[in-house]
C-alpha cells in the first residue's frame, strides 16, 4: 500500500471537499500511519493546518473519512507545507528498515510500525517508532527525498520505563 492511495481516498471524500471549500488556505502538514504486523490495529490519519485559524485538523481514514480537530499540537509549532504529490510505499519503508536491521545484526521481527510524515526546512521525513519482538524499539528517521535512513537507533522498552523505588 502506498501513501498516495490514502491521500486520493481522502481528497475524493465529501468531508474533505467541504473542509477545503471552507478553508481555502488549509495545507497538508503531516500524516500518521500505524501498521500492525501481528494484529489488525492499522490507522491512517492525514493532517491539515489552517493558518487563518491557527488550527490543525486530522482526517481519520478508516471505513469512512472522519474530521477531527487537533486540540494540542505543541506550543510554538509552526507546521510546514507538504506537497500533495507525496508518493511513497509503506512496503519500501519497511524494507529499508529491515535492511538496516540486517546490517546491524538485529534479528528481532517487526511487530508494529508507527510512522509520522513531517516536513522540516523544506525536506520531508518519515519518523518511525518500530516495535520489534523481545520488547525492543527502533527509532528511525527517513529522508523521503533521498529515500534513505538518516538516523537509526535501537532501544529496549525498559530503557523508556523508569523504575522508582519507594
C-alpha atoms as a PDB file:
ATOM      1  CA  UNK A   1       0.000   0.000   0.000  1.00  0.00           C
ATOM      2  CA  UNK A   2       1.236   3.490  -0.628  1.00  0.00           C
ATOM      3  CA  UNK A   3       0.567   6.924   0.801  1.00  0.00           C
ATOM      4  CA  UNK A   4      -0.998   8.218  -2.410  1.00  0.00           C
ATOM      5  CA  UNK A   5      -3.774   5.601  -2.108  1.00  0.00           C
ATOM      6  CA  UNK A   6      -4.907   7.051   1.236  1.00  0.00           C
ATOM      7  CA  UNK A   7      -4.426  10.612   0.042  1.00  0.00           C
ATOM      8  CA  UNK A   8      -6.620  10.030  -3.023  1.00  0.00           C
ATOM      9  CA  UNK A   9      -9.242   8.376  -0.819  1.00  0.00           C
ATOM     10  CA  UNK A  10      -9.193  11.496   1.362  1.00  0.00           C
ATOM     11  CA  UNK A  11      -9.393  14.149  -1.378  1.00  0.00           C
ATOM     12  CA  UNK A  12     -12.259  12.366  -3.121  1.00  0.00           C
ATOM     13  CA  UNK A  13     -14.365  12.313   0.076  1.00  0.00           C
ATOM     14  CA  UNK A  14     -17.288  14.641   0.733  1.00  0.00           C
ATOM     15  CA  UNK A  15     -15.899  15.656   4.156  1.00  0.00           C
ATOM     16  CA  UNK A  16     -12.604  16.771   2.657  1.00  0.00           C
ATOM     17  CA  UNK A  17     -14.207  18.704  -0.187  1.00  0.00           C
ATOM     18  CA  UNK A  18     -16.404  20.596   2.288  1.00  0.00           C
ATOM     19  CA  UNK A  19     -13.411  21.285   4.533  1.00  0.00           C
ATOM     20  CA  UNK A  20     -11.278  22.656   1.675  1.00  0.00           C
ATOM     21  CA  UNK A  21     -14.102  24.810   0.349  1.00  0.00           C
ATOM     22  CA  UNK A  22     -14.479  26.381   3.829  1.00  0.00           C
ATOM     23  CA  UNK A  23     -10.713  26.669   4.467  1.00  0.00           C
ATOM     24  CA  UNK A  24      -9.020  27.647   1.216  1.00  0.00           C
ATOM     25  CA  UNK A  25      -5.702  28.334   2.992  1.00  0.00           C
ATOM     26  CA  UNK A  26      -5.500  24.829   4.519  1.00  0.00           C
ATOM     27  CA  UNK A  27      -2.475  22.736   3.609  1.00  0.00           C
ATOM     28  CA  UNK A  28      -1.181  19.221   4.157  1.00  0.00           C
ATOM     29  CA  UNK A  29       1.239  19.338   7.095  1.00  0.00           C
ATOM     30  CA  UNK A  30       1.626  15.794   8.448  1.00  0.00           C
ATOM     31  CA  UNK A  31       0.349  12.251   8.441  1.00  0.00           C
ATOM     32  CA  UNK A  32       0.316   9.387  10.910  1.00  0.00           C
ATOM     33  CA  UNK A  33       0.226   5.765   9.848  1.00  0.00           C
ATOM     34  CA  UNK A  34       0.131   2.718  12.144  1.00  0.00           C
ATOM     35  CA  UNK A  35       0.829  -0.652  10.551  1.00  0.00           C
ATOM     36  CA  UNK A  36       0.164  -3.627  12.815  1.00  0.00           C
ATOM     37  CA  UNK A  37       2.020  -6.727  11.586  1.00  0.00           C
ATOM     38  CA  UNK A  38       0.614  -9.022  14.295  1.00  0.00           C
ATOM     39  CA  UNK A  39      -2.955  -7.798  14.648  1.00  0.00           C
ATOM     40  CA  UNK A  40      -5.371  -5.548  12.847  1.00  0.00           C
ATOM     41  CA  UNK A  41      -4.795  -2.196  14.565  1.00  0.00           C
ATOM     42  CA  UNK A  42      -3.959  -0.232  11.412  1.00  0.00           C
ATOM     43  CA  UNK A  43      -4.626   3.508  11.355  1.00  0.00           C
ATOM     44  CA  UNK A  44      -4.190   6.297   8.838  1.00  0.00           C
ATOM     45  CA  UNK A  45      -4.530   9.996   9.666  1.00  0.00           C
ATOM     46  CA  UNK A  46      -3.750  12.871   7.351  1.00  0.00           C
ATOM     47  CA  UNK A  47      -3.427  16.310   8.925  1.00  0.00           C
ATOM     48  CA  UNK A  48      -4.134  19.772   7.560  1.00  0.00           C
ATOM     49  CA  UNK A  49      -3.193  23.108   9.062  1.00  0.00           C
ATOM     50  CA  UNK A  50      -5.368  26.203   8.595  1.00  0.00           C
ATOM     51  CA  UNK A  51      -3.169  29.305   9.082  1.00  0.00           C
ATOM     52  CA  UNK A  52      -6.113  31.738   9.212  1.00  0.00           C
ATOM     53  CA  UNK A  53      -7.468  29.860  12.254  1.00  0.00           C
ATOM     54  CA  UNK A  54      -4.101  28.728  13.629  1.00  0.00           C
ATOM     55  CA  UNK A  55      -5.645  25.262  13.969  1.00  0.00           C
ATOM     56  CA  UNK A  56      -4.836  21.779  12.837  1.00  0.00           C
ATOM     57  CA  UNK A  57      -7.359  19.188  11.713  1.00  0.00           C
ATOM     58  CA  UNK A  58      -6.856  15.473  11.292  1.00  0.00           C
ATOM     59  CA  UNK A  59      -8.727  13.245   8.878  1.00  0.00           C
ATOM     60  CA  UNK A  60      -9.083   9.680  10.164  1.00  0.00           C
ATOM     61  CA  UNK A  61      -9.173   7.355   7.196  1.00  0.00           C
ATOM     62  CA  UNK A  62     -10.790   4.057   8.064  1.00  0.00           C
ATOM     63  CA  UNK A  63     -14.008   2.738   6.555  1.00  0.00           C
ATOM     64  CA  UNK A  64     -15.012   6.369   6.044  1.00  0.00           C
ATOM     65  CA  UNK A  65     -13.363   9.772   6.446  1.00  0.00           C
ATOM     66  CA  UNK A  66     -13.773  11.456   9.838  1.00  0.00           C
ATOM     67  CA  UNK A  67     -12.659  15.038  10.513  1.00  0.00           C
ATOM     68  CA  UNK A  68     -11.222  15.601  13.995  1.00  0.00           C
ATOM     69  CA  UNK A  69      -9.888  18.939  15.304  1.00  0.00           C
ATOM     70  CA  UNK A  70      -6.435  18.563  16.869  1.00  0.00           C
ATOM     71  CA  UNK A  71      -6.602  20.238  20.262  1.00  0.00           C
ATOM     72  CA  UNK A  72      -2.959  20.347  21.288  1.00  0.00           C
ATOM     73  CA  UNK A  73      -0.233  20.040  18.687  1.00  0.00           C
ATOM     74  CA  UNK A  74       2.507  21.758  20.662  1.00  0.00           C
ATOM     75  CA  UNK A  75       3.067  25.353  21.619  1.00  0.00           C
ATOM     76  CA  UNK A  76       5.038  27.303  19.074  1.00  0.00           C
ATOM     77  CA  UNK A  77       4.636  24.562  16.479  1.00  0.00           C
ATOM     78  CA  UNK A  78       4.778  26.057  13.024  1.00  0.00           C
ATOM     79  CA  UNK A  79       3.918  23.314  10.537  1.00  0.00           C
ATOM     80  CA  UNK A  80       5.463  23.317   7.092  1.00  0.00           C
ATOM     81  CA  UNK A  81       3.570  22.541   3.946  1.00  0.00           C
ATOM     82  CA  UNK A  82       3.989  19.101   2.418  1.00  0.00           C
ATOM     83  CA  UNK A  83       3.358  18.818  -1.310  1.00  0.00           C
ATOM     84  CA  UNK A  84       0.187  16.989  -2.292  1.00  0.00           C
ATOM     85  CA  UNK A  85       2.033  14.734  -4.731  1.00  0.00           C
ATOM     86  CA  UNK A  86       3.857  12.859  -1.970  1.00  0.00           C
ATOM     87  CA  UNK A  87       4.172   9.273  -3.124  1.00  0.00           C
ATOM     88  CA  UNK A  88       5.941   6.514  -1.224  1.00  0.00           C
ATOM     89  CA  UNK A  89       5.231   2.893  -0.491  1.00  0.00           C
ATOM     90  CA  UNK A  90       4.940   1.572   3.064  1.00  0.00           C
ATOM     91  CA  UNK A  91       6.449  -1.757   1.986  1.00  0.00           C
ATOM     92  CA  UNK A  92       9.515   0.122   0.733  1.00  0.00           C
ATOM     93  CA  UNK A  93       9.840   1.899   4.101  1.00  0.00           C
ATOM     94  CA  UNK A  94       9.609  -1.451   5.869  1.00  0.00           C
ATOM     95  CA  UNK A  95      12.221  -2.926   3.500  1.00  0.00           C
ATOM     96  CA  UNK A  96      14.590  -0.026   4.266  1.00  0.00           C
ATOM     97  CA  UNK A  97      14.167  -0.667   7.996  1.00  0.00           C
ATOM     98  CA  UNK A  98      14.655  -4.420   7.621  1.00  0.00           C
ATOM     99  CA  UNK A  99      17.816  -3.788   5.591  1.00  0.00           C
ATOM    100  CA  UNK A 100      19.218  -1.589   8.349  1.00  0.00           C
ATOM    101  CA  UNK A 101      18.246  -4.214  10.930  1.00  0.00           C
ATOM    102  CA  UNK A 102      20.123  -6.844   8.906  1.00  0.00           C
ATOM    103  CA  UNK A 103      23.226  -4.618   8.687  1.00  0.00           C
ATOM    104  CA  UNK A 104      23.136  -4.001  12.443  1.00  0.00           C
ATOM    105  CA  UNK A 105      22.563  -7.724  13.099  1.00  0.00           C
ATOM    106  CA  UNK A 106      19.173  -7.160  14.755  1.00  0.00           C
ATOM    107  CA  UNK A 107      17.358 -10.465  14.405  1.00  0.00           C
ATOM    108  CA  UNK A 108      14.051  -9.419  16.002  1.00  0.00           C
ATOM    109  CA  UNK A 109      10.867  -9.305  13.915  1.00  0.00           C
ATOM    110  CA  UNK A 110       8.896  -6.133  13.224  1.00  0.00           C
ATOM    111  CA  UNK A 111       5.573  -6.213  15.060  1.00  0.00           C
ATOM    112  CA  UNK A 112       4.209  -2.693  14.594  1.00  0.00           C
ATOM    113  CA  UNK A 113       5.271   0.428  12.700  1.00  0.00           C
ATOM    114  CA  UNK A 114       4.199   3.894  13.844  1.00  0.00           C
ATOM    115  CA  UNK A 115       5.121   6.296  11.066  1.00  0.00           C
ATOM    116  CA  UNK A 116       4.795  10.060  11.068  1.00  0.00           C
ATOM    117  CA  UNK A 117       5.290  12.103   7.908  1.00  0.00           C
ATOM    118  CA  UNK A 118       6.572  15.617   8.612  1.00  0.00           C
ATOM    119  CA  UNK A 119       8.401  18.418   6.870  1.00  0.00           C
ATOM    120  CA  UNK A 120      11.257  20.476   8.256  1.00  0.00           C
ATOM    121  CA  UNK A 121      13.301  23.049   6.381  1.00  0.00           C
ATOM    122  CA  UNK A 122      11.550  22.091   3.131  1.00  0.00           C
ATOM    123  CA  UNK A 123      12.530  18.408   3.426  1.00  0.00           C
ATOM    124  CA  UNK A 124      10.012  15.641   4.031  1.00  0.00           C
ATOM    125  CA  UNK A 125      10.794  12.926   6.562  1.00  0.00           C
ATOM    126  CA  UNK A 126       9.210   9.758   7.860  1.00  0.00           C
ATOM    127  CA  UNK A 127       9.812   9.464  11.575  1.00  0.00           C
ATOM    128  CA  UNK A 128       9.221   5.954  12.812  1.00  0.00           C
ATOM    129  CA  UNK A 129       8.843   4.177  16.090  1.00  0.00           C
ATOM    130  CA  UNK A 130       9.053   0.497  15.286  1.00  0.00           C
ATOM    131  CA  UNK A 131       8.065  -2.127  17.844  1.00  0.00           C
ATOM    132  CA  UNK A 132      10.058  -5.323  17.434  1.00  0.00           C
ATOM    133  CA  UNK A 133       9.883  -8.705  19.148  1.00  0.00           C
ATOM    134  CA  UNK A 134      11.559  -9.031  22.529  1.00  0.00           C
ATOM    135  CA  UNK A 135      10.173  -5.689  23.775  1.00  0.00           C
ATOM    136  CA  UNK A 136      12.524  -3.768  21.535  1.00  0.00           C
ATOM    137  CA  UNK A 137      12.043  -0.423  19.847  1.00  0.00           C
ATOM    138  CA  UNK A 138      13.640   1.183  16.853  1.00  0.00           C
ATOM    139  CA  UNK A 139      13.673   4.941  16.322  1.00  0.00           C
ATOM    140  CA  UNK A 140      14.074   5.732  12.634  1.00  0.00           C
ATOM    141  CA  UNK A 141      14.296   8.902  10.555  1.00  0.00           C
ATOM    142  CA  UNK A 142      13.994   8.527   6.790  1.00  0.00           C
ATOM    143  CA  UNK A 143      14.618  11.279   4.270  1.00  0.00           C
ATOM    144  CA  UNK A 144      11.858  10.797   1.691  1.00  0.00           C
ATOM    145  CA  UNK A 145      13.609  12.920  -0.930  1.00  0.00           C
ATOM    146  CA  UNK A 146      16.652  10.655  -0.890  1.00  0.00           C
ATOM    147  CA  UNK A 147      14.733   7.508   0.149  1.00  0.00           C
ATOM    148  CA  UNK A 148      17.327   6.603   2.759  1.00  0.00           C
ATOM    149  CA  UNK A 149      17.609   6.198   6.523  1.00  0.00           C
ATOM    150  CA  UNK A 150      19.460   9.092   8.131  1.00  0.00           C
ATOM    151  CA  UNK A 151      19.014   8.094  11.777  1.00  0.00           C
ATOM    152  CA  UNK A 152      18.543   4.621  13.271  1.00  0.00           C
ATOM    153  CA  UNK A 153      18.580   3.745  16.959  1.00  0.00           C
ATOM    154  CA  UNK A 154      17.684   0.534  18.777  1.00  0.00           C
ATOM    155  CA  UNK A 155      16.263   0.761  22.262  1.00  0.00           C
ATOM    156  CA  UNK A 156      14.709  -1.571  24.768  1.00  0.00           C
ATOM    157  CA  UNK A 157      11.231  -0.923  26.068  1.00  0.00           C
ATOM    158  CA  UNK A 158      12.808  -0.916  29.525  1.00  0.00           C
ATOM    159  CA  UNK A 159      15.080   1.988  28.517  1.00  0.00           C
ATOM    160  CA  UNK A 160      11.945   4.088  28.379  1.00  0.00           C
ATOM    161  CA  UNK A 161      10.483   2.964  31.682  1.00  0.00           C
ATOM    162  CA  UNK A 162      11.875   4.370  34.910  1.00  0.00           C
ATOM    163  CA  UNK A 163      11.509   2.220  37.975  1.00  0.00           C
ATOM    164  CA  UNK A 164      11.040   4.353  41.055  1.00  0.00           C
ATOM    165  CA  UNK A 165      11.864   2.876  44.430  1.00  0.00           C
ATOM    166  CA  UNK A 166       9.577   3.767  47.313  1.00  0.00           C
END
